[in-house]
Amino acid sequence: MRDLPDYSLGEWARAAPLAHGVRRLRNVAVDAYYARRPAAGHAALARELAGLDGRFVAFTIAFNLPEAVALLSQGLARVHPGVPLVVCDNSDDPAARARIAALCAARGHVYCALPRPPAIGSRGNASRSHAVALNWVWRNLIRPSRPSGFALLDHDLVPLVPDDLAARVAHHPIHGMVRRGPRGAWYLWPGFSLFDFSAVAGLKLDFGTDTPRGLDTGGQNWRVLYRRLAPSDIGRARTFQVLLEDPEVGAPEPFLLVDGFLHVGGAGHRGGGAAALARVRRAYEADPDGLFARLMAGAVPIAPTD
């Protein structure tokens, strides 16, 4: 919720601060309860993560699309071979979970089957479900494993060009795509955000939404972290709108490109989900080396929001 002085007299008359406060208390209680639930095979998972101590590690929240995880995995292996991937499975389709687990076993990724999401305040709300999952991962996987730094990546990102992700946070505590709400607060898009672990290890990070401030998943970190940072503390991702042509579609289709990662966007629902992902996969597999240059030829920079 917003700071109390930020509410207008009309909002006080409508008891908006009370409604926002009650919802916030509910979300905090739900997250705390969920964070105490262990994942299946948690002890073995902890041992796997212990082997990554001190390394820069990527984490992704998977949801019902093994094909997306496969393409993310393929791209990381090609252009970021030194970055381990931890796949945290939030799928509600048992068949998808089985396929994602098998893919991770075959490709050497750490796999975590997240506990079933809480029924209150998350099921049916994609942003909230993503936030609950990220909070579980922060508390149960990232903090205990103590990587040198970590990336939070959407499962429908496709890495296209080599980069040193760890170097992105060597001189900044955070790096990513800034999204600003209507009241001046901002947050990093959790689909591509990088953190220096030492800068946030002692914080109670909260990837929840902050709807009263107009902030989506990750917005609660405005209160915990972002509002305390100077502009020089923030590494800004280079973001572009790019067009991908596909003969089967018949027209160029817009996508987001962030620091060399192509974002399919809403792969769980947009354009049939799997269909949109299949179009990207065809373009990627046809020319993985030349796709980035092709996209950048018609790229339009996305202006920063602050």
C-alpha atoms as a PDB file:
ATOM      1  CA  MET A   1       0.000   0.000   0.000  1.00  0.00           C
ATOM      2  CA  ARG A   2       1.010   3.638  -0.315  1.00  0.00           C
ATOM      3  CA  ASP A   3       2.351   5.780   2.505  1.00  0.00           C
ATOM      4  CA  LEU A   4      -0.608   7.093   4.509  1.00  0.00           C
ATOM      5  CA  PRO A   5      -0.002  10.797   3.672  1.00  0.00           C
ATOM      6  CA  ASP A   6      -0.257   9.894  -0.029  1.00  0.00           C
ATOM      7  CA  TYR A   7      -3.969   9.121   0.243  1.00  0.00           C
ATOM      8  CA  SER A   8      -6.434  11.870  -0.645  1.00  0.00           C
ATOM      9  CA  LEU A   9      -9.343  12.931   1.546  1.00  0.00           C
ATOM     10  CA  GLY A  10     -11.681  11.198  -0.873  1.00  0.00           C
ATOM     11  CA  GLU A  11      -9.735   7.950  -0.542  1.00  0.00           C
ATOM     12  CA  TRP A  12      -9.836   8.235   3.248  1.00  0.00           C
ATOM     13  CA  ALA A  13     -13.607   8.810   3.035  1.00  0.00           C
ATOM     14  CA  ARG A  14     -13.926   5.610   0.992  1.00  0.00           C
ATOM     15  CA  ALA A  15     -11.707   3.766   3.513  1.00  0.00           C
ATOM     16  CA  ALA A  16      -9.239   2.940   0.719  1.00  0.00           C
ATOM     17  CA  PRO A  17      -6.229   2.847   3.090  1.00  0.00           C
ATOM     18  CA  LEU A  18      -8.048   0.304   5.276  1.00  0.00           C
ATOM     19  CA  ALA A  19      -8.935  -1.878   2.280  1.00  0.00           C
ATOM     20  CA  HIS A  20      -5.377  -1.700   0.961  1.00  0.00           C
ATOM     21  CA  GLY A  21      -3.957  -2.467   4.400  1.00  0.00           C
ATOM     22  CA  VAL A  22      -6.170  -5.510   4.898  1.00  0.00           C
ATOM     23  CA  ARG A  23      -5.240  -6.888   1.482  1.00  0.00           C
ATOM     24  CA  ARG A  24      -1.565  -6.278   2.190  1.00  0.00           C
ATOM     25  CA  LEU A  25      -1.765  -8.073   5.543  1.00  0.00           C
ATOM     26  CA  ARG A  26      -3.496 -10.991   3.829  1.00  0.00           C
ATOM     27  CA  ASN A  27      -0.772 -11.246   1.190  1.00  0.00           C
ATOM     28  CA  VAL A  28       2.005 -11.085   3.806  1.00  0.00           C
ATOM     29  CA  ALA A  29       0.335 -13.850   5.825  1.00  0.00           C
ATOM     30  CA  VAL A  30      -0.209 -16.036   2.742  1.00  0.00           C
ATOM     31  CA  ASP A  31       3.401 -15.596   1.595  1.00  0.00           C
ATOM     32  CA  ALA A  32       4.761 -16.394   5.058  1.00  0.00           C
ATOM     33  CA  TYR A  33       2.645 -19.549   5.249  1.00  0.00           C
ATOM     34  CA  TYR A  34       3.602 -20.635   1.742  1.00  0.00           C
ATOM     35  CA  ALA A  35       7.309 -19.956   2.327  1.00  0.00           C
ATOM     36  CA  ARG A  36       7.313 -22.561   5.107  1.00  0.00           C
ATOM     37  CA  ARG A  37       6.073 -25.306   2.783  1.00  0.00           C
ATOM     38  CA  PRO A  38       8.936 -27.495   1.530  1.00  0.00           C
ATOM     39  CA  ALA A  39       9.365 -28.525  -2.071  1.00  0.00           C
ATOM     40  CA  ALA A  40       9.424 -32.205  -2.944  1.00  0.00           C
ATOM     41  CA  GLY A  41      12.952 -33.531  -2.383  1.00  0.00           C
ATOM     42  CA  HIS A  42      13.982 -30.334  -0.636  1.00  0.00           C
ATOM     43  CA  ALA A  43      17.026 -31.866   1.097  1.00  0.00           C
ATOM     44  CA  ALA A  44      18.482 -33.135  -2.194  1.00  0.00           C
ATOM     45  CA  LEU A  45      17.678 -29.801  -3.810  1.00  0.00           C
ATOM     46  CA  ALA A  46      19.579 -27.963  -1.072  1.00  0.00           C
ATOM     47  CA  ARG A  47      22.624 -30.153  -1.692  1.00  0.00           C
ATOM     48  CA  GLU A  48      22.521 -29.369  -5.416  1.00  0.00           C
ATOM     49  CA  LEU A  49      22.302 -25.655  -4.733  1.00  0.00           C
ATOM     50  CA  ALA A  50      25.163 -25.814  -2.246  1.00  0.00           C
ATOM     51  CA  GLY A  51      27.389 -26.752  -5.154  1.00  0.00           C
ATOM     52  CA  LEU A  52      26.598 -23.393  -6.757  1.00  0.00           C
ATOM     53  CA  ASP A  53      27.802 -21.342  -3.784  1.00  0.00           C
ATOM     54  CA  GLY A  54      29.642 -18.237  -4.952  1.00  0.00           C
ATOM     55  CA  ARG A  55      28.573 -18.509  -8.604  1.00  0.00           C
ATOM     56  CA  PHE A  56      26.238 -16.293 -10.607  1.00  0.00           C
ATOM     57  CA  VAL A  57      23.009 -18.280 -11.037  1.00  0.00           C
ATOM     58  CA  ALA A  58      19.866 -17.819 -13.156  1.00  0.00           C
ATOM     59  CA  PHE A  59      16.420 -18.692 -11.778  1.00  0.00           C
ATOM     60  CA  THR A  60      13.243 -19.018 -13.809  1.00  0.00           C
ATOM     61  CA  ILE A  61       9.632 -19.644 -12.802  1.00  0.00           C
ATOM     62  CA  ALA A  62       8.229 -22.214 -15.239  1.00  0.00           C
ATOM     63  CA  PHE A  63       4.521 -22.371 -15.955  1.00  0.00           C
ATOM     64  CA  ASN A  64       2.952 -25.077 -18.140  1.00  0.00           C
ATOM     65  CA  LEU A  65       5.175 -24.642 -21.205  1.00  0.00           C
ATOM     66  CA  PRO A  66       8.050 -27.137 -21.407  1.00  0.00           C
ATOM     67  CA  GLU A  67       8.745 -25.748 -24.891  1.00  0.00           C
ATOM     68  CA  ALA A  68       9.572 -22.341 -23.391  1.00  0.00           C
ATOM     69  CA  VAL A  69      11.945 -23.831 -20.826  1.00  0.00           C
ATOM     70  CA  ALA A  70      13.592 -25.885 -23.571  1.00  0.00           C
ATOM     71  CA  LEU A  71      14.249 -22.790 -25.697  1.00  0.00           C
ATOM     72  CA  LEU A  72      15.542 -20.800 -22.712  1.00  0.00           C
ATOM     73  CA  SER A  73      17.818 -23.724 -21.864  1.00  0.00           C
ATOM     74  CA  GLN A  74      19.046 -24.001 -25.446  1.00  0.00           C
ATOM     75  CA  GLY A  75      19.808 -20.300 -25.648  1.00  0.00           C
ATOM     76  CA  LEU A  76      21.634 -20.195 -22.310  1.00  0.00           C
ATOM     77  CA  ALA A  77      23.768 -23.190 -23.260  1.00  0.00           C
ATOM     78  CA  ARG A  78      24.701 -21.462 -26.510  1.00  0.00           C
ATOM     79  CA  VAL A  79      25.535 -17.926 -25.323  1.00  0.00           C
ATOM     80  CA  HIS A  80      25.766 -18.168 -21.497  1.00  0.00           C
ATOM     81  CA  PRO A  81      27.323 -21.604 -20.949  1.00  0.00           C
ATOM     82  CA  GLY A  82      28.815 -20.671 -17.571  1.00  0.00           C
ATOM     83  CA  VAL A  83      25.497 -19.635 -15.980  1.00  0.00           C
ATOM     84  CA  PRO A  84      23.688 -22.456 -14.147  1.00  0.00           C
ATOM     85  CA  LEU A  85      19.906 -22.486 -14.539  1.00  0.00           C
ATOM     86  CA  VAL A  86      17.533 -23.342 -11.697  1.00  0.00           C
ATOM     87  CA  VAL A  87      14.044 -24.132 -12.972  1.00  0.00           C
ATOM     88  CA  CYS A  88      11.355 -23.506 -10.357  1.00  0.00           C
ATOM     89  CA  ASP A  89       8.200 -25.188 -11.595  1.00  0.00           C
ATOM     90  CA  ASN A  90       4.943 -23.388 -10.801  1.00  0.00           C
ATOM     91  CA  SER A  91       2.929 -25.341 -13.393  1.00  0.00           C
ATOM     92  CA  ASP A  92      -0.585 -26.437 -12.519  1.00  0.00           C
ATOM     93  CA  ASP A  93      -0.559 -29.097 -15.273  1.00  0.00           C
ATOM     94  CA  PRO A  94       0.947 -32.379 -13.948  1.00  0.00           C
ATOM     95  CA  ALA A  95       1.927 -33.477 -17.456  1.00  0.00           C
ATOM     96  CA  ALA A  96       3.814 -30.214 -18.012  1.00  0.00           C
ATOM     97  CA  ARG A  97       5.593 -30.660 -14.674  1.00  0.00           C
ATOM     98  CA  ALA A  98       6.697 -34.151 -15.673  1.00  0.00           C
ATOM     99  CA  ARG A  99       8.048 -32.944 -19.018  1.00  0.00           C
ATOM    100  CA  ILE A 100       9.878 -29.974 -17.469  1.00  0.00           C
ATOM    101  CA  ALA A 101      11.426 -32.217 -14.815  1.00  0.00           C
ATOM    102  CA  ALA A 102      12.600 -34.655 -17.484  1.00  0.00           C
ATOM    103  CA  LEU A 103      14.053 -31.818 -19.573  1.00  0.00           C
ATOM    104  CA  CYS A 104      16.001 -30.501 -16.585  1.00  0.00           C
ATOM    105  CA  ALA A 105      17.355 -33.946 -15.789  1.00  0.00           C
ATOM    106  CA  ALA A 106      18.483 -34.424 -19.392  1.00  0.00           C
ATOM    107  CA  ARG A 107      20.160 -31.018 -19.648  1.00  0.00           C
ATOM    108  CA  GLY A 108      21.698 -30.820 -16.189  1.00  0.00           C
ATOM    109  CA  HIS A 109      19.572 -28.028 -14.727  1.00  0.00           C
ATOM    110  CA  VAL A 110      18.564 -27.883 -11.086  1.00  0.00           C
ATOM    111  CA  TYR A 111      14.823 -28.607 -10.918  1.00  0.00           C
ATOM    112  CA  CYS A 112      12.525 -27.507  -8.114  1.00  0.00           C
ATOM    113  CA  ALA A 113       8.870 -28.546  -8.074  1.00  0.00           C
ATOM    114  CA  LEU A 114       7.311 -25.645  -6.208  1.00  0.00           C
ATOM    115  CA  PRO A 115       4.574 -26.464  -3.687  1.00  0.00           C
ATOM    116  CA  ARG A 116       1.035 -26.031  -4.953  1.00  0.00           C
ATOM    117  CA  PRO A 117       0.209 -22.298  -4.871  1.00  0.00           C
ATOM    118  CA  PRO A 118      -2.004 -21.124  -2.009  1.00  0.00           C
ATOM    119  CA  ALA A 119      -5.695 -20.979  -2.872  1.00  0.00           C
ATOM    120  CA  ILE A 120      -6.150 -17.535  -1.346  1.00  0.00           C
ATOM    121  CA  GLY A 121      -5.041 -14.525  -3.350  1.00  0.00           C
ATOM    122  CA  SER A 122      -2.933 -16.234  -6.018  1.00  0.00           C
ATOM    123  CA  ARG A 123      -4.731 -18.853  -8.099  1.00  0.00           C
ATOM    124  CA  GLY A 124      -6.219 -17.284 -11.190  1.00  0.00           C
ATOM    125  CA  ASN A 125      -4.084 -14.144 -10.787  1.00  0.00           C
ATOM    126  CA  ALA A 126      -0.942 -14.562 -12.900  1.00  0.00           C
ATOM    127  CA  SER A 127       0.918 -11.593 -11.395  1.00  0.00           C
ATOM    128  CA  ARG A 128       0.185 -12.643  -7.839  1.00  0.00           C
ATOM    129  CA  SER A 129       1.017 -16.304  -8.528  1.00  0.00           C
ATOM    130  CA  HIS A 130       4.356 -15.265 -10.042  1.00  0.00           C
ATOM    131  CA  ALA A 131       5.048 -13.067  -7.014  1.00  0.00           C
ATOM    132  CA  VAL A 132       4.256 -15.816  -4.502  1.00  0.00           C
ATOM    133  CA  ALA A 133       6.562 -18.187  -6.381  1.00  0.00           C
ATOM    134  CA  LEU A 134       9.403 -15.646  -6.514  1.00  0.00           C
ATOM    135  CA  ASN A 135       9.097 -14.967  -2.790  1.00  0.00           C
ATOM    136  CA  TRP A 136       9.310 -18.696  -2.081  1.00  0.00           C
ATOM    137  CA  VAL A 137      12.391 -18.986  -4.301  1.00  0.00           C
ATOM    138  CA  TRP A 138      14.082 -15.997  -2.641  1.00  0.00           C
ATOM    139  CA  ARG A 139      13.542 -17.340   0.865  1.00  0.00           C
ATOM    140  CA  ASN A 140      14.124 -21.042   0.253  1.00  0.00           C
ATOM    141  CA  LEU A 141      16.633 -21.223  -2.600  1.00  0.00           C
ATOM    142  CA  ILE A 142      18.502 -17.978  -3.248  1.00  0.00           C
ATOM    143  CA  ARG A 143      19.215 -16.768   0.277  1.00  0.00           C
ATOM    144  CA  PRO A 144      20.345 -20.173   1.611  1.00  0.00           C
ATOM    145  CA  SER A 145      22.541 -20.916  -1.438  1.00  0.00           C
ATOM    146  CA  ARG A 146      24.299 -17.511  -1.360  1.00  0.00           C
ATOM    147  CA  PRO A 147      25.268 -17.076  -5.032  1.00  0.00           C
ATOM    148  CA  SER A 148      27.586 -14.216  -5.983  1.00  0.00           C
ATOM    149  CA  GLY A 149      24.659 -12.793  -7.911  1.00  0.00           C
ATOM    150  CA  PHE A 150      21.479 -13.991  -9.513  1.00  0.00           C
ATOM    151  CA  ALA A 151      19.230 -13.381 -12.488  1.00  0.00           C
ATOM    152  CA  LEU A 152      15.454 -13.704 -12.513  1.00  0.00           C
ATOM    153  CA  LEU A 153      14.419 -14.681 -16.030  1.00  0.00           C
ATOM    154  CA  ASP A 154      10.980 -15.241 -17.514  1.00  0.00           C
ATOM    155  CA  HIS A 155      10.620 -18.766 -18.849  1.00  0.00           C
ATOM    156  CA  ASP A 156       9.785 -17.370 -22.299  1.00  0.00           C
ATOM    157  CA  LEU A 157      13.027 -15.447 -22.803  1.00  0.00           C
ATOM    158  CA  VAL A 158      15.351 -16.492 -25.609  1.00  0.00           C
ATOM    159  CA  PRO A 159      19.016 -15.489 -25.100  1.00  0.00           C
ATOM    160  CA  LEU A 160      20.507 -14.470 -28.441  1.00  0.00           C
ATOM    161  CA  VAL A 161      23.963 -12.975 -27.857  1.00  0.00           C
ATOM    162  CA  PRO A 162      26.862 -13.670 -25.476  1.00  0.00           C
ATOM    163  CA  ASP A 163      27.082 -11.424 -22.434  1.00  0.00           C
ATOM    164  CA  ASP A 164      28.634 -11.399 -18.967  1.00  0.00           C
ATOM    165  CA  LEU A 165      25.617 -11.231 -16.688  1.00  0.00           C
ATOM    166  CA  ALA A 166      27.728 -11.185 -13.538  1.00  0.00           C
ATOM    167  CA  ALA A 167      29.594  -8.134 -14.826  1.00  0.00           C
ATOM    168  CA  ARG A 168      26.277  -6.297 -15.142  1.00  0.00           C
ATOM    169  CA  VAL A 169      26.073  -6.137 -11.340  1.00  0.00           C
ATOM    170  CA  ALA A 170      29.781  -5.803 -10.633  1.00  0.00           C
ATOM    171  CA  HIS A 171      29.376  -2.036 -10.189  1.00  0.00           C
ATOM    172  CA  HIS A 172      25.611  -1.812  -9.600  1.00  0.00           C
ATOM    173  CA  PRO A 173      23.573  -3.668  -6.973  1.00  0.00           C
ATOM    174  CA  ILE A 174      20.773  -4.189  -9.505  1.00  0.00           C
ATOM    175  CA  HIS A 175      20.353  -4.233 -13.275  1.00  0.00           C
ATOM    176  CA  GLY A 176      17.272  -4.542 -15.434  1.00  0.00           C
ATOM    177  CA  MET A 177      14.320  -2.865 -17.058  1.00  0.00           C
ATOM    178  CA  VAL A 178      12.808  -0.109 -14.922  1.00  0.00           C
ATOM    179  CA  ARG A 179       9.034   0.161 -14.911  1.00  0.00           C
ATOM    180  CA  ARG A 180       7.493   3.188 -13.255  1.00  0.00           C
ATOM    181  CA  GLY A 181       4.053   3.484 -11.713  1.00  0.00           C
ATOM    182  CA  PRO A 182       1.779   6.518 -12.042  1.00  0.00           C
ATOM    183  CA  ARG A 183       2.846   7.974  -8.663  1.00  0.00           C
ATOM    184  CA  GLY A 184       6.624   8.028  -9.100  1.00  0.00           C
ATOM    185  CA  ALA A 185       7.465   4.660  -7.547  1.00  0.00           C
ATOM    186  CA  TRP A 186       9.236   2.141  -9.775  1.00  0.00           C
ATOM    187  CA  TYR A 187      10.377  -1.463  -9.880  1.00  0.00           C
ATOM    188  CA  LEU A 188      12.492  -3.782 -11.990  1.00  0.00           C
ATOM    189  CA  TRP A 189      10.570  -6.027 -14.359  1.00  0.00           C
ATOM    190  CA  PRO A 190      11.146  -9.474 -12.812  1.00  0.00           C
ATOM    191  CA  GLY A 191      11.191 -11.086 -16.255  1.00  0.00           C
ATOM    192  CA  PHE A 192      14.777  -9.877 -16.631  1.00  0.00           C
ATOM    193  CA  SER A 193      16.417  -8.538 -13.492  1.00  0.00           C
ATOM    194  CA  LEU A 194      19.902  -9.056 -12.089  1.00  0.00           C
ATOM    195  CA  PHE A 195      21.045  -8.654  -8.481  1.00  0.00           C
ATOM    196  CA  ASP A 196      24.372  -8.535  -6.657  1.00  0.00           C
ATOM    197  CA  PHE A 197      23.609 -10.937  -3.823  1.00  0.00           C
ATOM    198  CA  SER A 198      25.872  -9.183  -1.312  1.00  0.00           C
ATOM    199  CA  ALA A 199      23.861  -5.972  -1.799  1.00  0.00           C
ATOM    200  CA  VAL A 200      20.525  -7.597  -0.970  1.00  0.00           C
ATOM    201  CA  ALA A 201      21.435 -10.566   1.251  1.00  0.00           C
ATOM    202  CA  GLY A 202      20.297  -8.829   4.432  1.00  0.00           C
ATOM    203  CA  LEU A 203      17.020  -7.535   3.002  1.00  0.00           C
ATOM    204  CA  LYS A 204      13.553  -9.046   3.168  1.00  0.00           C
ATOM    205  CA  LEU A 205      12.996  -8.817  -0.547  1.00  0.00           C
ATOM    206  CA  ASP A 206       9.353  -8.993  -1.552  1.00  0.00           C
ATOM    207  CA  PHE A 207       8.370  -9.593  -5.162  1.00  0.00           C
ATOM    208  CA  GLY A 208       4.699  -8.999  -4.460  1.00  0.00           C
ATOM    209  CA  THR A 209       2.549  -6.587  -6.419  1.00  0.00           C
ATOM    210  CA  ASP A 210       1.814  -3.120  -5.057  1.00  0.00           C
ATOM    211  CA  THR A 211      -1.468  -2.346  -6.791  1.00  0.00           C
ATOM    212  CA  PRO A 212      -2.200   0.892  -4.895  1.00  0.00           C
ATOM    213  CA  ARG A 213       1.062   2.293  -6.289  1.00  0.00           C
ATOM    214  CA  GLY A 214       0.352   0.884  -9.747  1.00  0.00           C
ATOM    215  CA  LEU A 215       3.254  -1.588  -9.549  1.00  0.00           C
ATOM    216  CA  ASP A 216       3.068  -5.154 -10.857  1.00  0.00           C
ATOM    217  CA  THR A 217       5.066  -8.221  -9.762  1.00  0.00           C
ATOM    218  CA  GLY A 218       8.191  -7.036  -7.946  1.00  0.00           C
ATOM    219  CA  GLY A 219       6.590  -3.756  -6.915  1.00  0.00           C
ATOM    220  CA  GLN A 220       6.862  -4.354  -3.180  1.00  0.00           C
ATOM    221  CA  ASN A 221      10.630  -4.102  -3.547  1.00  0.00           C
ATOM    222  CA  TRP A 222      10.142  -0.357  -4.030  1.00  0.00           C
ATOM    223  CA  ARG A 223       9.488  -0.172  -0.307  1.00  0.00           C
ATOM    224  CA  VAL A 224      12.240  -2.659   0.632  1.00  0.00           C
ATOM    225  CA  LEU A 225      15.054  -1.692  -1.749  1.00  0.00           C
ATOM    226  CA  TYR A 226      14.469   0.513  -4.766  1.00  0.00           C
ATOM    227  CA  ARG A 227      13.407   3.754  -3.076  1.00  0.00           C
ATOM    228  CA  ARG A 228      16.740   3.789  -1.220  1.00  0.00           C
ATOM    229  CA  LEU A 229      18.890   3.617  -4.349  1.00  0.00           C
ATOM    230  CA  ALA A 230      20.537   6.498  -6.161  1.00  0.00           C
ATOM    231  CA  PRO A 231      20.259   6.648  -9.975  1.00  0.00           C
ATOM    232  CA  SER A 232      23.921   5.621 -10.205  1.00  0.00           C
ATOM    233  CA  ASP A 233      23.084   2.375  -8.366  1.00  0.00           C
ATOM    234  CA  ILE A 234      20.849   1.152 -11.178  1.00  0.00           C
ATOM    235  CA  GLY A 235      22.164  -0.639 -14.238  1.00  0.00           C
ATOM    236  CA  ARG A 236      19.723   0.055 -17.072  1.00  0.00           C
ATOM    237  CA  ALA A 237      18.928  -2.660 -19.589  1.00  0.00           C
ATOM    238  CA  ARG A 238      18.880  -1.677 -23.265  1.00  0.00           C
ATOM    239  CA  THR A 239      15.354  -2.347 -24.453  1.00  0.00           C
ATOM    240  CA  PHE A 240      13.883  -2.348 -27.946  1.00  0.00           C
ATOM    241  CA  GLN A 241      10.699  -3.194 -29.736  1.00  0.00           C
ATOM    242  CA  VAL A 242      11.619  -5.532 -32.580  1.00  0.00           C
ATOM    243  CA  LEU A 243       9.607  -7.087 -35.371  1.00  0.00           C
ATOM    244  CA  LEU A 244       9.739 -10.758 -36.232  1.00  0.00           C
ATOM    245  CA  GLU A 245       8.384 -11.793 -39.602  1.00  0.00           C
ATOM    246  CA  ASP A 246       6.857 -15.208 -40.030  1.00  0.00           C
ATOM    247  CA  PRO A 247       5.410 -16.396 -43.372  1.00  0.00           C
ATOM    248  CA  GLU A 248       2.645 -18.298 -41.582  1.00  0.00           C
ATOM    249  CA  VAL A 249       1.462 -15.130 -39.818  1.00  0.00           C
ATOM    250  CA  GLY A 250       1.683 -12.919 -42.876  1.00  0.00           C
ATOM    251  CA  ALA A 251       2.728  -9.769 -41.028  1.00  0.00           C
ATOM    252  CA  PRO A 252       5.564  -8.640 -38.736  1.00  0.00           C
ATOM    253  CA  GLU A 253       4.874  -9.334 -35.081  1.00  0.00           C
ATOM    254  CA  PRO A 254       6.218  -7.040 -32.301  1.00  0.00           C
ATOM    255  CA  PHE A 255       8.377  -8.420 -29.506  1.00  0.00           C
ATOM    256  CA  LEU A 256      10.485  -7.029 -26.672  1.00  0.00           C
ATOM    257  CA  LEU A 257      14.277  -7.352 -26.781  1.00  0.00           C
ATOM    258  CA  VAL A 258      16.088  -6.741 -23.473  1.00  0.00           C
ATOM    259  CA  ASP A 259      19.905  -6.828 -23.350  1.00  0.00           C
ATOM    260  CA  GLY A 260      19.986  -9.445 -26.086  1.00  0.00           C
ATOM    261  CA  PHE A 261      17.139 -11.563 -24.648  1.00  0.00           C
ATOM    262  CA  LEU A 262      14.071 -11.893 -26.886  1.00  0.00           C
ATOM    263  CA  HIS A 263      10.845 -12.022 -24.879  1.00  0.00           C
ATOM    264  CA  VAL A 264       8.009 -14.016 -26.405  1.00  0.00           C
ATOM    265  CA  GLY A 265       5.596 -12.296 -24.022  1.00  0.00           C
ATOM    266  CA  GLY A 266       2.689 -13.943 -22.270  1.00  0.00           C
ATOM    267  CA  ALA A 267       3.732 -17.350 -23.555  1.00  0.00           C
ATOM    268  CA  GLY A 268       1.180 -18.932 -21.250  1.00  0.00           C
ATOM    269  CA  HIS A 269      -1.721 -17.279 -23.095  1.00  0.00           C
ATOM    270  CA  ARG A 270      -0.814 -14.877 -25.932  1.00  0.00           C
ATOM    271  CA  GLY A 271      -1.631 -16.046 -29.452  1.00  0.00           C
ATOM    272  CA  GLY A 272      -2.334 -19.528 -28.232  1.00  0.00           C
ATOM    273  CA  GLY A 273       0.857 -19.450 -26.160  1.00  0.00           C
ATOM    274  CA  ALA A 274       2.525 -22.444 -27.723  1.00  0.00           C
ATOM    275  CA  ALA A 275       1.788 -21.043 -31.201  1.00  0.00           C
ATOM    276  CA  ALA A 276       3.594 -17.764 -30.501  1.00  0.00           C
ATOM    277  CA  LEU A 277       6.485 -19.673 -29.015  1.00  0.00           C
ATOM    278  CA  ALA A 278       6.611 -21.975 -32.040  1.00  0.00           C
ATOM    279  CA  ARG A 279       6.933 -18.968 -34.354  1.00  0.00           C
ATOM    280  CA  VAL A 280       9.908 -17.703 -32.361  1.00  0.00           C
ATOM    281  CA  ARG A 281      11.444 -21.172 -32.254  1.00  0.00           C
ATOM    282  CA  ARG A 282      11.246 -21.506 -36.052  1.00  0.00           C
ATOM    283  CA  ALA A 283      13.048 -18.204 -36.520  1.00  0.00           C
ATOM    284  CA  TYR A 284      15.647 -19.069 -33.889  1.00  0.00           C
ATOM    285  CA  GLU A 285      16.448 -22.531 -35.187  1.00  0.00           C
ATOM    286  CA  ALA A 286      16.572 -21.341 -38.789  1.00  0.00           C
ATOM    287  CA  ASP A 287      19.349 -18.844 -38.018  1.00  0.00           C
ATOM    288  CA  PRO A 288      20.451 -18.664 -34.359  1.00  0.00           C
ATOM    289  CA  ASP A 289      23.597 -16.700 -35.241  1.00  0.00           C
ATOM    290  CA  GLY A 290      21.900 -14.115 -37.430  1.00  0.00           C
ATOM    291  CA  LEU A 291      18.568 -13.619 -35.676  1.00  0.00           C
ATOM    292  CA  PHE A 292      19.800 -10.874 -33.343  1.00  0.00           C
ATOM    293  CA  ALA A 293      21.259  -8.789 -36.192  1.00  0.00           C
ATOM    294  CA  ARG A 294      18.071  -9.290 -38.183  1.00  0.00           C
ATOM    295  CA  LEU A 295      15.930  -8.061 -35.315  1.00  0.00           C
ATOM    296  CA  MET A 296      18.173  -5.095 -34.564  1.00  0.00           C
ATOM    297  CA  ALA A 297      17.999  -3.906 -38.169  1.00  0.00           C
ATOM    298  CA  GLY A 298      14.484  -2.631 -37.529  1.00  0.00           C
ATOM    299  CA  ALA A 299      14.648  -2.174 -33.764  1.00  0.00           C
ATOM    300  CA  VAL A 300      12.995   0.824 -32.129  1.00  0.00           C
ATOM    301  CA  PRO A 301      14.497   1.857 -28.748  1.00  0.00           C
ATOM    302  CA  ILE A 302      12.057   1.937 -25.865  1.00  0.00           C
ATOM    303  CA  ALA A 303      12.531   5.201 -24.007  1.00  0.00           C
ATOM    304  CA  PRO A 304      13.224   4.900 -20.274  1.00  0.00           C
ATOM    305  CA  THR A 305      10.266   5.712 -18.048  1.00  0.00           C
ATOM    306  CA  ASP A 306      12.241   8.053 -15.778  1.00  0.00           C
END
